[in-house]
């Protein structure tokens, strides 16, 4: 943490770690192996950190890429569609700019797409 205290350590088996305080943290990774070629393969490995966002992000759904690129509007979005067996329906998602301002370059959203059976 900012006070140069060790907050947590882990071994080869990853575990979820939750940081209780806001602040600046440094992640230090040490990998050991007798074979230098194995170490070379992980030299550019990605570290994945997840963080909850303050406000829920709800994308707008569009039936075409063109409508999604133009941006969300009441006319270009839809919330449901009736699909028959074997029919393929493309779905394109877009976000309002203020929703995207919560992130930084390199961030990505992870979530669920719920598909329900109508009655």
Protein backbone atom coordinates (compact mmCIF):
# COMPACT_ATOMS: atom_id res chain seq x y z
CA UNK A 1 0.00 0.00 0.00
CA UNK A 2 1.00 3.67 0.11
CA UNK A 3 2.77 3.06 3.43
CA UNK A 4 4.92 0.35 1.79
CA UNK A 5 3.25 -2.35 3.89
CA UNK A 6 2.69 -5.84 2.52
CA UNK A 7 -1.08 -6.25 2.19
CA UNK A 8 -1.20 -9.85 0.95
CA UNK A 9 0.83 -12.63 -0.58
CA UNK A 10 -0.20 -15.55 -2.76
CA UNK A 11 1.31 -18.61 -4.34
CA UNK A 12 0.69 -20.37 -7.65
CA UNK A 13 -2.98 -21.02 -6.84
CA UNK A 14 -4.80 -17.68 -7.20
CA UNK A 15 -7.33 -16.58 -4.61
CA UNK A 16 -9.68 -13.62 -4.61
CA UNK A 17 -8.22 -10.73 -2.66
CA UNK A 18 -10.26 -7.72 -1.59
CA UNK A 19 -8.64 -4.42 -0.67
CA UNK A 20 -10.57 -2.72 2.11
CA UNK A 21 -9.09 0.75 1.78
CA UNK A 22 -8.86 3.18 -1.09
CA UNK A 23 -5.40 4.22 -2.05
CA UNK A 24 -2.44 3.44 -4.22
CA UNK A 25 -1.10 -0.12 -4.34
CA UNK A 26 1.89 -1.72 -6.02
CA UNK A 27 1.68 -5.28 -7.31
CA UNK A 28 4.98 -7.14 -7.32
CA UNK A 29 5.14 -10.50 -9.10
CA UNK A 30 8.04 -12.93 -8.81
CA UNK A 31 8.18 -16.05 -10.97
CA UNK A 32 10.91 -18.64 -10.62
CA UNK A 33 11.81 -21.47 -12.95
CA UNK A 34 15.00 -23.34 -13.84
CA UNK A 35 14.33 -23.01 -17.59
CA UNK A 36 14.80 -19.46 -18.92
CA UNK A 37 12.60 -20.17 -21.97
CA UNK A 38 9.63 -20.79 -19.66
CA UNK A 39 10.27 -17.44 -17.98
CA UNK A 40 10.55 -15.75 -21.38
CA UNK A 41 7.04 -16.97 -22.32
CA UNK A 42 5.46 -15.24 -19.31
CA UNK A 43 7.48 -12.04 -19.65
CA UNK A 44 4.58 -10.19 -21.31
CA UNK A 45 1.80 -11.87 -19.33
CA UNK A 46 -1.25 -9.81 -18.37
CA UNK A 47 -2.27 -9.15 -14.79
CA UNK A 48 -6.05 -9.06 -14.43
CA UNK A 49 -7.51 -6.80 -11.75
CA UNK A 50 -11.24 -6.39 -11.25
CA UNK A 51 -12.93 -3.46 -9.60
CA UNK A 52 -16.57 -2.67 -9.05
CA UNK A 53 -17.94 0.47 -10.66
CA UNK A 54 -19.95 3.12 -8.84
CA UNK A 55 -22.99 3.22 -11.13
CA UNK A 56 -24.70 0.43 -13.00
CA UNK A 57 -23.96 0.49 -16.73
CA UNK A 58 -26.89 -0.57 -18.89
CA UNK A 59 -26.24 -0.78 -22.63
CA UNK A 60 -28.81 0.08 -25.26
CA UNK A 61 -29.74 -2.72 -27.67
CA UNK A 62 -29.89 -2.20 -31.42
CA UNK A 63 -30.93 -4.38 -34.32
CA UNK A 64 -28.17 -3.11 -36.62
CA UNK A 65 -24.56 -1.99 -36.39
CA UNK A 66 -25.43 1.30 -38.10
CA UNK A 67 -27.94 2.20 -35.39
CA UNK A 68 -25.50 1.26 -32.64
CA UNK A 69 -22.77 3.43 -34.18
CA UNK A 70 -25.06 6.45 -34.49
CA UNK A 71 -25.58 6.26 -30.75
CA UNK A 72 -28.40 5.43 -28.42
CA UNK A 73 -31.74 7.10 -28.95
CA UNK A 74 -35.31 6.12 -28.16
CA UNK A 75 -36.06 5.41 -31.85
CA UNK A 76 -33.04 3.19 -32.51
CA UNK A 77 -33.25 0.89 -29.50
CA UNK A 78 -35.44 -2.05 -28.64
CA UNK A 79 -35.83 -4.05 -25.46
CA UNK A 80 -37.38 -7.27 -26.77
CA UNK A 81 -37.85 -9.29 -29.93
CA UNK A 82 -39.83 -12.36 -30.86
CA UNK A 83 -37.54 -14.98 -32.35
CA UNK A 84 -38.73 -18.19 -33.97
CA UNK A 85 -36.83 -21.46 -33.79
CA UNK A 86 -33.78 -21.39 -36.05
CA UNK A 87 -33.99 -17.64 -36.61
CA UNK A 88 -30.83 -15.63 -36.05
CA UNK A 89 -31.15 -12.09 -34.71
CA UNK A 90 -28.09 -9.86 -34.43
CA UNK A 91 -27.90 -7.69 -31.33
CA UNK A 92 -25.55 -4.71 -31.12
CA UNK A 93 -24.89 -2.86 -27.86
CA UNK A 94 -23.98 0.77 -27.31
CA UNK A 95 -23.33 2.89 -24.24
CA UNK A 96 -23.94 6.50 -23.36
CA UNK A 97 -20.75 8.55 -23.26
CA UNK A 98 -21.22 9.43 -19.58
CA UNK A 99 -21.34 5.70 -18.80
CA UNK A 100 -18.03 5.13 -20.55
CA UNK A 101 -16.35 8.03 -18.73
CA UNK A 102 -16.25 5.85 -15.61
CA UNK A 103 -13.45 3.82 -17.15
CA UNK A 104 -9.92 4.35 -18.37
CA UNK A 105 -8.13 3.14 -21.50
CA UNK A 106 -7.58 -0.60 -21.19
CA UNK A 107 -10.60 -1.17 -18.94
CA UNK A 108 -13.30 -3.57 -20.04
CA UNK A 109 -16.75 -4.44 -18.80
CA UNK A 110 -17.76 -7.93 -17.75
CA UNK A 111 -21.37 -8.83 -17.18
CA UNK A 112 -24.31 -10.98 -18.09
CA UNK A 113 -26.66 -10.99 -21.05
CA UNK A 114 -29.98 -12.39 -19.90
CA UNK A 115 -32.22 -14.05 -22.43
CA UNK A 116 -35.64 -15.04 -21.15
CA UNK A 117 -38.49 -17.04 -22.59
CA UNK A 118 -41.62 -14.95 -23.02
CA UNK A 119 -44.96 -16.23 -22.00
